[in-house]
Amino acid sequence: MNSKNYIIWTLTDGSEGMISQVIGLAQELSNDIVQIKTDLLFPWSKLQPGIIPSFKWIFKNHIPKSIHPNIIISCGRKSVYLSTYLKNKNKNIINIHIQNPKISFKKFNYIITPNHDGVEGKNVINSTGALHKFSPSILSSIKNIFEVSVKNLVTCILGGQNQHYVFNQSQVEDFCDKINNLKKNNPEINLLVITSRRTNSFIKKIITQKLNSIAKLWLGKGENPYAFALKYSSNFIITSDSTSMISESAISGKPIYIYQLPFKRVSKRFEKFHNEFNQLNITKDFSNDIILSNWSYSPLYESKRIAGIINERIVRENK
């Protein structure tokens, strides 16, 4: 089977983070991709897979009948149900799950998990950071339609509070003070600040008050300049709470500074992730830097590397 002839179904719950991961891998394996948003009846929608059996009628989403996939790539708890159901219906389907499925690994041909998750197994392939949809070819097509100068562009990408990290008034004021200090000592840089879906309105208000005069701000309205920033930025400053934003920025090969937020509770996963990226010379901590350093590393393009491993194994196993 030629890789470009694969028919691939991607299965997620519709969240952007999961879609980015499955599409990132799928587009490196084929151009024929069908996206399916998995929607389950209760109690399957709430239960961990493996507790009760799966049946066709538990899926509220449409399952195409006229086309049949060669490969299924799933991500997230809900998608595990549909992936294993389809695999049981057709053993020839190659099913790949991104992240730990929390059920027997034998139910999947391949499982893709990042190194920092510490998951191992015969059919497990580990990635450096998170997979994502951005590729050199996609970034090459991005044009500057934003009122932002790309000369010496430094992009700050902010996440938000989660179960592991604190991001409150104290942190955002400290962050803004450091950015103001950075601009004062480096007047030649242009600043772009991008917030994420997890950045709350209170944080956005403080950012507007403190950084609006020195930076271009994107606070969630209008076209998102995120992909533009990945292409054109000379440096990144990113809050520590999102492994995905850091992994995506690493495709640039440009320096990434990490603004370390304080832990609510220490996460060994996050610690391992940050240690790994620091040791690979991808990131450095952003603390009291008043002059940005320039360093380089090979752009991190894990979707392509992982797809190559999978395709090689599929070809070998079908000889």
Protein backbone atom coordinates (compact mmCIF):
# COMPACT_ATOMS: atom_id res chain seq x y z
CA MET A 1 0.00 0.00 0.00
CA ASN A 2 1.50 3.35 -1.05
CA SER A 3 1.40 5.80 1.86
CA LYS A 4 -0.29 8.51 -0.16
CA ASN A 5 -3.11 6.06 -0.95
CA TYR A 6 -4.04 5.61 2.70
CA ILE A 7 -7.57 6.62 3.61
CA ILE A 8 -7.29 8.06 7.11
CA TRP A 9 -10.02 8.83 9.61
CA THR A 10 -9.11 11.12 12.50
CA LEU A 11 -11.17 10.79 15.69
CA THR A 12 -11.32 13.46 18.41
CA ASP A 13 -13.86 15.13 20.68
CA GLY A 14 -13.56 18.27 18.54
CA SER A 15 -11.13 20.20 20.74
CA GLU A 16 -8.50 22.17 18.83
CA GLY A 17 -5.57 20.68 20.73
CA MET A 18 -6.56 17.12 19.84
CA ILE A 19 -7.40 18.00 16.24
CA SER A 20 -3.97 19.57 15.80
CA GLN A 21 -2.27 16.38 16.99
CA VAL A 22 -4.20 13.91 14.82
CA ILE A 23 -4.07 16.15 11.74
CA GLY A 24 -0.36 16.74 12.25
CA LEU A 25 0.32 13.02 11.98
CA ALA A 26 -2.34 12.25 9.36
CA GLN A 27 -1.17 14.86 6.86
CA GLU A 28 2.33 13.37 6.94
CA LEU A 29 0.89 9.97 5.94
CA SER A 30 -1.80 10.86 3.40
CA ASN A 31 -3.78 13.55 1.60
CA ASP A 32 -7.04 11.62 2.01
CA ILE A 33 -8.25 12.53 5.50
CA VAL A 34 -11.75 12.41 7.00
CA GLN A 35 -12.24 14.19 10.32
CA ILE A 36 -14.82 12.73 12.71
CA LYS A 37 -15.94 14.34 15.95
CA THR A 38 -16.84 11.55 18.35
CA ASP A 39 -20.09 12.08 20.26
CA LEU A 40 -21.26 9.45 22.76
CA LEU A 41 -24.43 8.63 24.61
CA PHE A 42 -24.45 8.66 28.40
CA PRO A 43 -22.96 6.85 30.33
CA TRP A 44 -20.23 6.10 27.76
CA SER A 45 -19.66 9.86 27.44
CA LYS A 46 -18.54 9.96 31.09
CA LEU A 47 -16.94 6.57 31.68
CA GLN A 48 -13.39 5.49 31.09
CA PRO A 49 -13.20 3.03 28.11
CA GLY A 50 -13.13 -0.63 29.04
CA ILE A 51 -15.63 -0.48 31.88
CA ILE A 52 -18.68 -1.39 29.78
CA PRO A 53 -18.89 -2.76 26.19
CA SER A 54 -19.24 -0.57 23.08
CA PHE A 55 -22.09 -0.86 20.58
CA LYS A 56 -22.82 0.90 17.31
CA TRP A 57 -25.79 2.75 18.78
CA ILE A 58 -23.74 4.53 21.47
CA PHE A 59 -22.23 6.83 18.82
CA LYS A 60 -24.34 9.92 18.13
CA ASN A 61 -21.89 11.10 15.46
CA HIS A 62 -22.15 10.03 11.83
CA ILE A 63 -19.95 7.10 10.80
CA PRO A 64 -19.38 7.11 7.01
CA LYS A 65 -20.58 3.96 5.27
CA SER A 66 -19.46 4.63 1.70
CA ILE A 67 -15.74 4.88 2.50
CA HIS A 68 -13.56 2.62 4.59
CA PRO A 69 -10.35 3.73 6.30
CA ASN A 70 -6.98 2.03 6.12
CA ILE A 71 -5.78 3.97 9.14
CA ILE A 72 -7.54 5.49 12.15
CA ILE A 73 -5.76 8.13 14.22
CA SER A 74 -7.47 8.98 17.49
CA CYS A 75 -6.76 11.27 20.40
CA GLY A 76 -8.64 11.64 23.67
CA ARG A 77 -10.78 9.42 25.88
CA LYS A 78 -13.99 9.56 23.83
CA SER A 79 -12.23 8.63 20.60
CA VAL A 80 -10.91 5.41 22.18
CA TYR A 81 -14.46 3.98 22.04
CA LEU A 82 -14.87 4.55 18.30
CA SER A 83 -11.33 3.49 17.42
CA THR A 84 -11.63 0.14 19.19
CA TYR A 85 -15.19 -0.41 17.89
CA LEU A 86 -14.06 0.10 14.28
CA LYS A 87 -10.99 -2.08 14.84
CA ASN A 88 -13.21 -4.89 16.12
CA LYS A 89 -15.38 -4.59 13.01
CA ASN A 90 -12.38 -4.69 10.67
CA LYS A 91 -9.13 -6.21 11.94
CA ASN A 92 -7.26 -4.93 8.87
CA ILE A 93 -7.63 -1.33 10.01
CA ILE A 94 -4.44 0.13 11.46
CA ASN A 95 -5.47 2.09 14.52
CA ILE A 96 -3.14 4.63 16.09
CA HIS A 97 -3.85 6.43 19.33
CA ILE A 98 -2.12 9.63 20.42
CA GLN A 99 -1.70 9.87 24.23
CA ASN A 100 -2.13 7.09 26.77
CA PRO A 101 -5.47 5.38 26.00
CA LYS A 102 -5.71 4.06 29.59
CA ILE A 103 -6.83 0.64 28.32
CA SER A 104 -4.88 -2.39 27.04
CA PHE A 105 -2.29 -1.27 24.49
CA LYS A 106 -3.04 -4.50 22.57
CA LYS A 107 -6.21 -2.88 21.25
CA PHE A 108 -4.08 -0.54 19.08
CA ASN A 109 -1.46 -1.06 16.42
CA TYR A 110 0.50 1.97 17.59
CA ILE A 111 0.38 4.37 20.51
CA ILE A 112 2.13 7.75 20.30
CA THR A 113 3.04 9.42 23.60
CA PRO A 114 5.56 12.14 24.47
CA ASN A 115 8.75 11.23 26.29
CA HIS A 116 7.71 13.21 29.36
CA ASP A 117 4.68 10.94 29.92
CA GLY A 118 7.00 8.02 30.66
CA VAL A 119 4.85 5.50 28.74
CA GLU A 120 6.63 2.48 27.26
CA GLY A 121 5.53 -0.61 25.37
CA LYS A 122 6.20 -2.78 22.34
CA ASN A 123 3.84 -0.76 20.14
CA VAL A 124 4.57 2.62 21.77
CA ILE A 125 6.42 5.31 19.82
CA ASN A 126 7.65 8.23 21.91
CA SER A 127 7.76 11.80 20.64
CA THR A 128 9.72 14.80 21.82
CA GLY A 129 6.96 17.14 22.94
CA ALA A 130 3.48 17.14 21.45
CA LEU A 131 2.58 16.45 17.83
CA HIS A 132 0.82 19.29 16.01
CA LYS A 133 -0.52 20.40 12.63
CA PHE A 134 2.16 22.97 11.75
CA SER A 135 4.72 22.03 9.10
CA PRO A 136 7.37 23.96 7.12
CA SER A 137 5.15 23.89 4.02
CA ILE A 138 2.16 25.26 5.93
CA LEU A 139 4.23 28.04 7.50
CA SER A 140 5.80 28.95 4.15
CA SER A 141 2.35 29.87 2.83
CA ILE A 142 1.60 32.27 5.72
CA LYS A 143 1.55 35.91 4.68
CA ASN A 144 1.84 39.02 6.84
CA ILE A 145 -1.72 40.31 6.84
CA PHE A 146 -1.28 41.78 10.31
CA GLU A 147 -0.10 45.25 11.24
CA VAL A 148 3.04 43.87 12.82
CA SER A 149 6.61 44.51 11.78
CA VAL A 150 8.53 41.26 11.39
CA LYS A 151 11.87 42.92 12.04
CA ASN A 152 13.28 41.69 15.38
CA LEU A 153 9.85 40.30 16.23
CA VAL A 154 9.53 38.85 19.72
CA THR A 155 6.28 36.99 20.34
CA CYS A 156 4.93 36.39 23.83
CA ILE A 157 2.41 33.53 24.05
CA LEU A 158 0.36 33.26 27.21
CA GLY A 159 -1.62 30.33 28.52
CA GLY A 160 -3.62 30.35 31.71
CA GLN A 161 -4.18 28.77 35.07
CA ASN A 162 -4.68 25.00 35.06
CA GLN A 163 -4.65 22.16 37.57
CA HIS A 164 -0.87 22.36 37.91
CA TYR A 165 0.04 26.05 37.54
CA VAL A 166 -0.94 29.33 39.20
CA PHE A 167 -1.44 32.31 36.85
CA ASN A 168 -2.95 35.17 38.81
CA GLN A 169 -2.49 38.94 39.24
CA SER A 170 0.94 38.61 40.83
CA GLN A 171 2.29 36.52 37.96
CA VAL A 172 0.87 38.63 35.14
CA GLU A 173 2.11 41.88 36.70
CA ASP A 174 5.58 40.39 37.10
CA PHE A 175 5.47 39.15 33.51
CA CYS A 176 4.42 42.58 32.21
CA ASP A 177 7.14 44.32 34.24
CA LYS A 178 9.77 42.05 32.73
CA ILE A 179 8.45 42.65 29.19
CA ASN A 180 8.47 46.43 29.76
CA ASN A 181 12.04 46.17 31.04
CA LEU A 182 12.99 44.07 28.01
CA LYS A 183 11.58 46.67 25.61
CA LYS A 184 13.27 49.51 27.48
CA ASN A 185 16.67 47.84 27.12
CA ASN A 186 16.02 46.62 23.56
CA PRO A 187 14.11 49.42 21.80
CA GLU A 188 14.76 47.84 18.41
CA ILE A 189 12.52 44.81 19.07
CA ASN A 190 8.89 44.60 18.01
CA LEU A 191 6.56 42.86 20.45
CA LEU A 192 3.52 40.72 19.74
CA VAL A 193 1.48 39.29 22.62
CA ILE A 194 -0.91 36.42 21.92
CA THR A 195 -3.31 35.01 24.50
CA SER A 196 -4.86 31.54 24.40
CA ARG A 197 -8.30 30.13 25.13
CA ARG A 198 -7.26 29.58 28.75
CA THR A 199 -6.22 33.20 29.34
CA ASN A 200 -8.99 34.72 31.44
CA SER A 201 -10.46 38.21 31.05
CA PHE A 202 -8.78 39.53 34.21
CA ILE A 203 -5.34 38.61 32.87
CA LYS A 204 -6.19 40.20 29.51
CA LYS A 205 -7.23 43.41 31.25
CA ILE A 206 -3.89 43.74 33.03
CA ILE A 207 -1.98 42.94 29.83
CA THR A 208 -3.91 45.67 28.02
CA GLN A 209 -3.18 48.22 30.75
CA LYS A 210 0.52 47.45 30.99
CA LEU A 211 1.60 46.41 27.48
CA ASN A 212 -0.74 48.09 25.02
CA SER A 213 1.64 51.03 24.49
CA ILE A 214 4.65 48.88 23.58
CA ALA A 215 3.20 45.76 21.95
CA LYS A 216 0.65 44.57 19.43
CA LEU A 217 -1.93 42.58 21.40
CA TRP A 218 -4.16 39.73 20.24
CA LEU A 219 -6.69 38.95 22.95
CA GLY A 220 -8.99 36.54 21.14
CA LYS A 221 -10.87 38.71 18.64
CA GLY A 222 -10.26 38.77 14.89
CA GLU A 223 -7.91 36.54 12.97
CA ASN A 224 -5.37 34.80 15.16
CA PRO A 225 -1.75 35.73 14.28
CA TYR A 226 -0.41 32.55 15.90
CA ALA A 227 0.75 30.84 12.68
CA PHE A 228 2.15 34.17 11.46
CA ALA A 229 4.17 34.38 14.68
CA LEU A 230 5.54 30.86 14.25
CA LYS A 231 6.88 31.85 10.84
CA TYR A 232 8.21 35.36 11.43
CA SER A 233 9.32 35.61 15.07
CA SER A 234 12.99 35.91 15.98
CA ASN A 235 12.37 34.91 19.60
CA PHE A 236 9.52 33.54 21.69
CA ILE A 237 8.58 34.05 25.33
CA ILE A 238 6.01 31.46 26.42
CA THR A 239 4.40 30.65 29.75
CA SER A 240 5.32 27.26 31.14
CA ASP A 241 1.80 25.84 31.40
CA SER A 242 1.40 24.60 27.80
CA THR A 243 3.54 21.83 26.36
CA SER A 244 1.64 22.19 23.07
CA MET A 245 2.44 25.88 22.49
CA ILE A 246 6.10 25.27 23.28
CA SER A 247 6.22 22.20 21.01
CA GLU A 248 4.57 24.13 18.18
CA SER A 249 6.96 27.07 18.51
CA ALA A 250 9.91 24.67 18.35
CA ILE A 251 9.20 24.01 14.67
CA SER A 252 10.66 27.47 14.06
CA GLY A 253 14.16 26.57 15.21
CA LYS A 254 14.19 29.96 16.96
CA PRO A 255 15.04 30.68 20.63
CA ILE A 256 12.22 30.02 23.09
CA TYR A 257 12.26 31.58 26.53
CA ILE A 258 10.00 30.01 29.16
CA TYR A 259 8.31 32.21 31.74
CA GLN A 260 8.03 29.74 34.62
CA LEU A 261 4.76 29.99 36.50
CA PRO A 262 4.62 28.67 40.08
CA PHE A 263 3.22 25.20 40.62
CA LYS A 264 -0.04 24.62 42.46
CA ARG A 265 1.21 21.10 42.84
CA VAL A 266 4.45 19.84 41.38
CA SER A 267 4.00 17.90 38.15
CA LYS A 268 6.77 15.44 37.29
CA ARG A 269 5.43 15.39 33.70
CA PHE A 270 5.90 19.15 33.28
CA GLU A 271 9.27 19.03 34.99
CA LYS A 272 10.46 16.26 32.65
CA PHE A 273 9.15 18.15 29.62
CA HIS A 274 10.94 21.39 30.54
CA ASN A 275 14.16 19.57 31.43
CA GLU A 276 14.10 17.72 28.10
CA PHE A 277 13.58 20.88 26.02
CA ASN A 278 16.22 22.74 28.01
CA GLN A 279 18.76 19.94 27.49
CA LEU A 280 17.98 19.93 23.74
CA ASN A 281 18.88 23.65 23.69
CA ILE A 282 15.36 24.54 22.54
CA THR A 283 14.38 26.57 25.61
CA LYS A 284 15.87 28.69 28.35
CA ASP A 285 14.16 30.25 31.35
CA PHE A 286 13.02 33.86 31.04
CA SER A 287 13.68 35.60 34.31
CA ASN A 288 15.52 38.91 34.44
CA ASP A 289 16.87 38.89 30.91
CA ILE A 290 17.31 42.39 29.62
CA ILE A 291 19.16 41.34 26.47
CA LEU A 292 17.78 38.44 24.49
CA SER A 293 20.29 35.79 23.43
CA ASN A 294 20.22 34.21 20.03
CA TRP A 295 20.80 30.50 19.71
CA SER A 296 19.67 27.88 17.25
CA TYR A 297 18.63 24.24 17.11
CA SER A 298 17.24 21.92 14.47
CA PRO A 299 13.54 22.71 14.03
CA LEU A 300 11.48 20.14 15.92
CA TYR A 301 9.30 18.36 13.34
CA GLU A 302 8.08 15.31 15.23
CA SER A 303 4.95 14.65 13.15
CA LYS A 304 7.13 13.91 10.14
CA ARG A 305 9.57 11.76 12.10
CA ILE A 306 6.83 9.70 13.76
CA ALA A 307 4.96 9.30 10.45
CA GLY A 308 8.17 7.98 8.88
CA ILE A 309 8.56 5.35 11.61
CA ILE A 310 4.93 4.24 11.26
CA ASN A 311 5.04 4.08 7.47
CA GLU A 312 8.26 2.07 7.55
CA ARG A 313 6.72 -0.45 9.97
CA ILE A 314 3.52 -0.74 7.92
CA VAL A 315 5.48 -1.40 4.75
CA ARG A 316 7.71 -3.94 6.51
CA GLU A 317 4.78 -5.77 8.10
CA ASN A 318 2.95 -6.01 4.76
CA LYS A 319 5.81 -7.49 2.79
